[in-house]
Every structure is written in structure tokens, then in C-alpha cells.
Amino acid sequence: MKRAAVISILVLAFAGLADSAYLTQQELSGTPLICNVEGLSGCNIVAESEYSKVFGVPLAEFGMLFYGILFVLAALELALFDRLLRRILQAGAILGVLASAYFTFVQIFFIGAFCIYCTISAVITLLILIFASLIEPVRPIIPAVAAPHRDIPMPPKT
């Protein structure tokens, strides 16, 4: 089950990388995005908005970096099966879901348009988080049972 979850993350990270690469390529070439799916035709509005860049770098390039890192981590996890890699995958997925939630909020309340590619990316990130939690569930740390408390007499007051 754990191996299947890691393979799923690998496939999803590749899909996210492809999605981000398409958006980056369109941004760099200046050609409009192809999008008109069930009323989600606001891709170009979102891509050309002031919110589509952070420090002058298109968000799609950050997406490529994010999905590329997750892809490499999942590939390493398949080879090494290391707890630290699993935790980093989980932390990355949480950060990705938080970022996706924020950018979806921005699309709804500030831009007023939806981008199908952004929605696909958000769904991919959510699925990665689900599969990352299946690899090794985060368990609460249960403190060890302490030894029984013994009353130690205090020295007399002088």
C-alpha cells in the first residue's frame, strides 16, 4: 500500500509538472492559454492578473519547482524508503495545499475568474497530500508512562 501511494505521488507530481510547464511555456512565449472548459474560461484573465507573479516570477515557475521537488522526493522514497523523505513529502504537500487554497481564494475574491489549470493543480496537490498521509500517518506522540511519583521529604526549615 505504501509503495502504491508513493507511485501515485510520483505520477501526480509529473502531472503537476506538466501542467506548470505548459503555463510557464505560454507565459514565456506570450501566447494565450487554451481554455474554455465548462465555463472556466478565465485562464488568461488569471494568468495576466497582477496576482500571477511573485517578485516578478510567474507562479507557474514556482509550480514547476514545487512539483519537480516532489517528483524527486517521491523517486528517492521509492529507492530509499526513508522516514525523513516521507515527512518532507508530507510537509511539502501541506504547504502546497495551503498555497493552492490561498490562490483559489484570490481567484474567487480578487480576480473574479477561474483558471482550469490552477484548479487542476489544486486538485493534484490535494491528492498528493492524501497519498502522502497514506504512506505514514502522522501519529500523536504519546508520552512514556512516568515512574510513580514518590514523595521526597523536604529538609527542615532553619
C-alpha atoms as a PDB file:
ATOM      1  CA  MET A   1       0.000   0.000   0.000  1.00  0.00           C
ATOM      2  CA  LYS A   2       2.808   2.398   0.890  1.00  0.00           C
ATOM      3  CA  ARG A   3       4.602   1.712  -2.383  1.00  0.00           C
ATOM      4  CA  ALA A   4       1.404   2.325  -4.362  1.00  0.00           C
ATOM      5  CA  ALA A   5       0.915   5.642  -2.553  1.00  0.00           C
ATOM      6  CA  VAL A   6       4.469   6.739  -3.400  1.00  0.00           C
ATOM      7  CA  ILE A   7       3.991   5.733  -7.050  1.00  0.00           C
ATOM      8  CA  SER A   8       0.735   7.715  -7.071  1.00  0.00           C
ATOM      9  CA  ILE A   9       2.600  10.766  -5.745  1.00  0.00           C
ATOM     10  CA  LEU A  10       5.226  10.280  -8.447  1.00  0.00           C
ATOM     11  CA  VAL A  11       2.565  10.193 -11.188  1.00  0.00           C
ATOM     12  CA  LEU A  12       0.658  13.155  -9.732  1.00  0.00           C
ATOM     13  CA  ALA A  13       3.845  15.215  -9.346  1.00  0.00           C
ATOM     14  CA  PHE A  14       4.640  14.515 -13.002  1.00  0.00           C
ATOM     15  CA  ALA A  15       1.131  15.653 -13.999  1.00  0.00           C
ATOM     16  CA  GLY A  16       1.555  18.821 -11.919  1.00  0.00           C
ATOM     17  CA  LEU A  17       4.941  19.393 -13.514  1.00  0.00           C
ATOM     18  CA  ALA A  18       3.389  19.083 -16.974  1.00  0.00           C
ATOM     19  CA  ASP A  19       0.584  21.488 -16.013  1.00  0.00           C
ATOM     20  CA  SER A  20       3.056  24.050 -14.662  1.00  0.00           C
ATOM     21  CA  ALA A  21       5.390  23.598 -17.639  1.00  0.00           C
ATOM     22  CA  TYR A  22       2.541  24.377 -20.041  1.00  0.00           C
ATOM     23  CA  LEU A  23       1.650  27.524 -18.124  1.00  0.00           C
ATOM     24  CA  THR A  24       5.303  28.592 -17.959  1.00  0.00           C
ATOM     25  CA  GLN A  25       5.806  27.987 -21.682  1.00  0.00           C
ATOM     26  CA  GLN A  26       2.724  30.044 -22.529  1.00  0.00           C
ATOM     27  CA  GLU A  27       3.878  32.831 -20.192  1.00  0.00           C
ATOM     28  CA  LEU A  28       7.341  32.967 -21.743  1.00  0.00           C
ATOM     29  CA  SER A  29       6.070  32.861 -25.331  1.00  0.00           C
ATOM     30  CA  GLY A  30       3.296  35.369 -24.676  1.00  0.00           C
ATOM     31  CA  THR A  31       0.655  33.242 -26.395  1.00  0.00           C
ATOM     32  CA  PRO A  32      -2.798  32.952 -24.799  1.00  0.00           C
ATOM     33  CA  LEU A  33      -3.759  29.835 -22.898  1.00  0.00           C
ATOM     34  CA  ILE A  34      -6.153  27.351 -24.438  1.00  0.00           C
ATOM     35  CA  CYS A  35      -9.039  27.148 -22.023  1.00  0.00           C
ATOM     36  CA  ASN A  36     -12.766  27.015 -22.410  1.00  0.00           C
ATOM     37  CA  VAL A  37     -13.987  24.139 -20.305  1.00  0.00           C
ATOM     38  CA  GLU A  38     -17.454  24.260 -18.757  1.00  0.00           C
ATOM     39  CA  GLY A  39     -17.409  27.970 -18.026  1.00  0.00           C
ATOM     40  CA  LEU A  40     -13.836  28.011 -16.740  1.00  0.00           C
ATOM     41  CA  SER A  41     -12.594  30.283 -19.496  1.00  0.00           C
ATOM     42  CA  GLY A  42     -10.860  32.819 -17.284  1.00  0.00           C
ATOM     43  CA  CYS A  43      -7.391  31.306 -17.582  1.00  0.00           C
ATOM     44  CA  ASN A  44      -5.976  34.234 -19.496  1.00  0.00           C
ATOM     45  CA  ILE A  45      -7.568  36.720 -17.099  1.00  0.00           C
ATOM     46  CA  VAL A  46      -5.920  34.928 -14.164  1.00  0.00           C
ATOM     47  CA  ALA A  47      -2.598  34.486 -15.984  1.00  0.00           C
ATOM     48  CA  GLU A  48      -2.435  38.182 -16.894  1.00  0.00           C
ATOM     49  CA  SER A  49      -3.510  39.474 -13.483  1.00  0.00           C
ATOM     50  CA  GLU A  50      -1.209  41.246 -11.075  1.00  0.00           C
ATOM     51  CA  TYR A  51      -1.508  38.194  -8.787  1.00  0.00           C
ATOM     52  CA  SER A  52       0.103  35.826 -11.303  1.00  0.00           C
ATOM     53  CA  LYS A  53       3.638  36.795 -10.299  1.00  0.00           C
ATOM     54  CA  VAL A  54       5.547  36.866  -7.033  1.00  0.00           C
ATOM     55  CA  PHE A  55       8.645  39.087  -7.022  1.00  0.00           C
ATOM     56  CA  GLY A  56       8.338  39.256 -10.809  1.00  0.00           C
ATOM     57  CA  VAL A  57       8.472  35.461 -11.197  1.00  0.00           C
ATOM     58  CA  PRO A  58       5.399  33.738 -12.682  1.00  0.00           C
ATOM     59  CA  LEU A  59       3.634  31.409 -10.243  1.00  0.00           C
ATOM     60  CA  ALA A  60       3.846  28.661 -12.862  1.00  0.00           C
ATOM     61  CA  GLU A  61       7.627  28.623 -12.446  1.00  0.00           C
ATOM     62  CA  PHE A  62       7.187  28.155  -8.698  1.00  0.00           C
ATOM     63  CA  GLY A  63       4.787  25.338  -9.578  1.00  0.00           C
ATOM     64  CA  MET A  64       7.445  23.681 -11.723  1.00  0.00           C
ATOM     65  CA  LEU A  65       9.918  23.915  -8.854  1.00  0.00           C
ATOM     66  CA  PHE A  66       7.359  22.590  -6.344  1.00  0.00           C
ATOM     67  CA  TYR A  67       6.276  19.618  -8.442  1.00  0.00           C
ATOM     68  CA  GLY A  68       9.855  18.911  -9.516  1.00  0.00           C
ATOM     69  CA  ILE A  69      10.955  18.687  -5.881  1.00  0.00           C
ATOM     70  CA  LEU A  70       8.012  16.425  -5.003  1.00  0.00           C
ATOM     71  CA  PHE A  71       8.800  14.224  -8.021  1.00  0.00           C
ATOM     72  CA  VAL A  72      12.443  13.830  -6.954  1.00  0.00           C
ATOM     73  CA  LEU A  73      11.461  13.181  -3.328  1.00  0.00           C
ATOM     74  CA  ALA A  74       8.942  10.517  -4.363  1.00  0.00           C
ATOM     75  CA  ALA A  75      11.515   8.862  -6.639  1.00  0.00           C
ATOM     76  CA  LEU A  76      14.045   8.840  -3.800  1.00  0.00           C
ATOM     77  CA  GLU A  77      11.415   7.440  -1.450  1.00  0.00           C
ATOM     78  CA  LEU A  78      10.875   4.529  -3.853  1.00  0.00           C
ATOM     79  CA  ALA A  79      14.599   3.770  -3.786  1.00  0.00           C
ATOM     80  CA  LEU A  80      15.474   4.503  -0.158  1.00  0.00           C
ATOM     81  CA  PHE A  81      12.226   4.293   1.830  1.00  0.00           C
ATOM     82  CA  ASP A  82      13.326   6.807   4.408  1.00  0.00           C
ATOM     83  CA  ARG A  83      11.164   8.321   7.146  1.00  0.00           C
ATOM     84  CA  LEU A  84      12.688  11.784   6.694  1.00  0.00           C
ATOM     85  CA  LEU A  85      11.762  11.742   2.988  1.00  0.00           C
ATOM     86  CA  ARG A  86       8.193  10.792   3.888  1.00  0.00           C
ATOM     87  CA  ARG A  87       7.969  13.659   6.365  1.00  0.00           C
ATOM     88  CA  ILE A  88       9.368  16.128   3.825  1.00  0.00           C
ATOM     89  CA  LEU A  89       6.826  14.883   1.265  1.00  0.00           C
ATOM     90  CA  GLN A  90       4.052  15.388   3.799  1.00  0.00           C
ATOM     91  CA  ALA A  91       5.265  18.876   4.734  1.00  0.00           C
ATOM     92  CA  GLY A  92       5.595  19.843   1.064  1.00  0.00           C
ATOM     93  CA  ALA A  93       2.099  18.583   0.344  1.00  0.00           C
ATOM     94  CA  ILE A  94       0.688  20.597   3.255  1.00  0.00           C
ATOM     95  CA  LEU A  95       2.439  23.736   2.011  1.00  0.00           C
ATOM     96  CA  GLY A  96       1.140  23.049  -1.494  1.00  0.00           C
ATOM     97  CA  VAL A  97      -2.455  22.667  -0.296  1.00  0.00           C
ATOM     98  CA  LEU A  98      -2.205  25.876   1.728  1.00  0.00           C
ATOM     99  CA  ALA A  99      -0.799  27.763  -1.273  1.00  0.00           C
ATOM    100  CA  SER A 100      -3.479  26.303  -3.554  1.00  0.00           C
ATOM    101  CA  ALA A 101      -6.214  27.320  -1.113  1.00  0.00           C
ATOM    102  CA  TYR A 102      -4.826  30.856  -0.979  1.00  0.00           C
ATOM    103  CA  PHE A 103      -4.567  31.178  -4.768  1.00  0.00           C
ATOM    104  CA  THR A 104      -8.069  29.761  -5.213  1.00  0.00           C
ATOM    105  CA  PHE A 105      -9.294  32.377  -2.731  1.00  0.00           C
ATOM    106  CA  VAL A 106      -7.518  35.079  -4.770  1.00  0.00           C
ATOM    107  CA  GLN A 107      -9.155  33.832  -7.975  1.00  0.00           C
ATOM    108  CA  ILE A 108     -12.613  33.933  -6.419  1.00  0.00           C
ATOM    109  CA  PHE A 109     -12.500  37.157  -4.423  1.00  0.00           C
ATOM    110  CA  PHE A 110      -9.880  39.359  -6.088  1.00  0.00           C
ATOM    111  CA  ILE A 111      -9.678  38.351  -9.739  1.00  0.00           C
ATOM    112  CA  GLY A 112     -13.219  37.086 -10.219  1.00  0.00           C
ATOM    113  CA  ALA A 113     -12.179  34.457 -12.770  1.00  0.00           C
ATOM    114  CA  PHE A 114     -11.298  30.765 -12.679  1.00  0.00           C
ATOM    115  CA  CYS A 115      -8.381  29.058 -14.358  1.00  0.00           C
ATOM    116  CA  ILE A 116      -8.866  25.373 -15.158  1.00  0.00           C
ATOM    117  CA  TYR A 117      -5.106  24.793 -14.983  1.00  0.00           C
ATOM    118  CA  CYS A 118      -4.980  26.312 -11.494  1.00  0.00           C
ATOM    119  CA  THR A 119      -7.918  24.173 -10.426  1.00  0.00           C
ATOM    120  CA  ILE A 120      -6.208  21.060 -11.793  1.00  0.00           C
ATOM    121  CA  SER A 121      -3.057  21.987  -9.893  1.00  0.00           C
ATOM    122  CA  ALA A 122      -5.033  22.447  -6.660  1.00  0.00           C
ATOM    123  CA  VAL A 123      -6.697  19.037  -7.074  1.00  0.00           C
ATOM    124  CA  ILE A 124      -3.340  17.393  -7.833  1.00  0.00           C
ATOM    125  CA  THR A 125      -1.827  18.951  -4.715  1.00  0.00           C
ATOM    126  CA  LEU A 126      -4.742  17.785  -2.565  1.00  0.00           C
ATOM    127  CA  LEU A 127      -4.407  14.241  -3.925  1.00  0.00           C
ATOM    128  CA  ILE A 128      -0.663  14.317  -3.231  1.00  0.00           C
ATOM    129  CA  LEU A 129      -1.433  15.274   0.379  1.00  0.00           C
ATOM    130  CA  ILE A 130      -3.904  12.407   0.690  1.00  0.00           C
ATOM    131  CA  PHE A 131      -1.407   9.877  -0.677  1.00  0.00           C
ATOM    132  CA  ALA A 132       1.417  11.348   1.437  1.00  0.00           C
ATOM    133  CA  SER A 133      -0.675  10.799   4.553  1.00  0.00           C
ATOM    134  CA  LEU A 134      -1.267   7.180   3.499  1.00  0.00           C
ATOM    135  CA  ILE A 135       2.464   6.486   3.293  1.00  0.00           C
ATOM    136  CA  GLU A 136       2.933   7.003   7.001  1.00  0.00           C
ATOM    137  CA  PRO A 137       0.125   8.509   9.026  1.00  0.00           C
ATOM    138  CA  VAL A 138       1.171  11.224  11.410  1.00  0.00           C
ATOM    139  CA  ARG A 139       0.545   9.852  14.871  1.00  0.00           C
ATOM    140  CA  PRO A 140       0.362  11.904  18.048  1.00  0.00           C
ATOM    141  CA  ILE A 141       3.335  11.477  20.295  1.00  0.00           C
ATOM    142  CA  ILE A 142       2.249   9.619  23.413  1.00  0.00           C
ATOM    143  CA  PRO A 143       4.469  10.383  26.377  1.00  0.00           C
ATOM    144  CA  ALA A 144       6.096   7.419  28.054  1.00  0.00           C
ATOM    145  CA  VAL A 145       4.500   6.298  31.275  1.00  0.00           C
ATOM    146  CA  ALA A 146       6.353   8.010  34.068  1.00  0.00           C
ATOM    147  CA  ALA A 147       7.557   6.206  37.137  1.00  0.00           C
ATOM    148  CA  PRO A 148       5.249   6.574  40.125  1.00  0.00           C
ATOM    149  CA  HIS A 149       5.773   9.800  41.989  1.00  0.00           C
ATOM    150  CA  ARG A 150       7.453   9.374  45.345  1.00  0.00           C
ATOM    151  CA  ASP A 151       7.248  11.990  47.995  1.00  0.00           C
ATOM    152  CA  ILE A 152      10.681  13.178  48.899  1.00  0.00           C
ATOM    153  CA  PRO A 153      10.844  14.780  52.294  1.00  0.00           C
ATOM    154  CA  MET A 154      11.954  18.376  52.313  1.00  0.00           C
ATOM    155  CA  PRO A 155      14.786  19.418  54.589  1.00  0.00           C
ATOM    156  CA  PRO A 156      13.671  21.142  57.760  1.00  0.00           C
ATOM    157  CA  LYS A 157      13.472  24.920  57.726  1.00  0.00           C
ATOM    158  CA  THR A 158      16.215  26.600  59.661  1.00  0.00           C
END
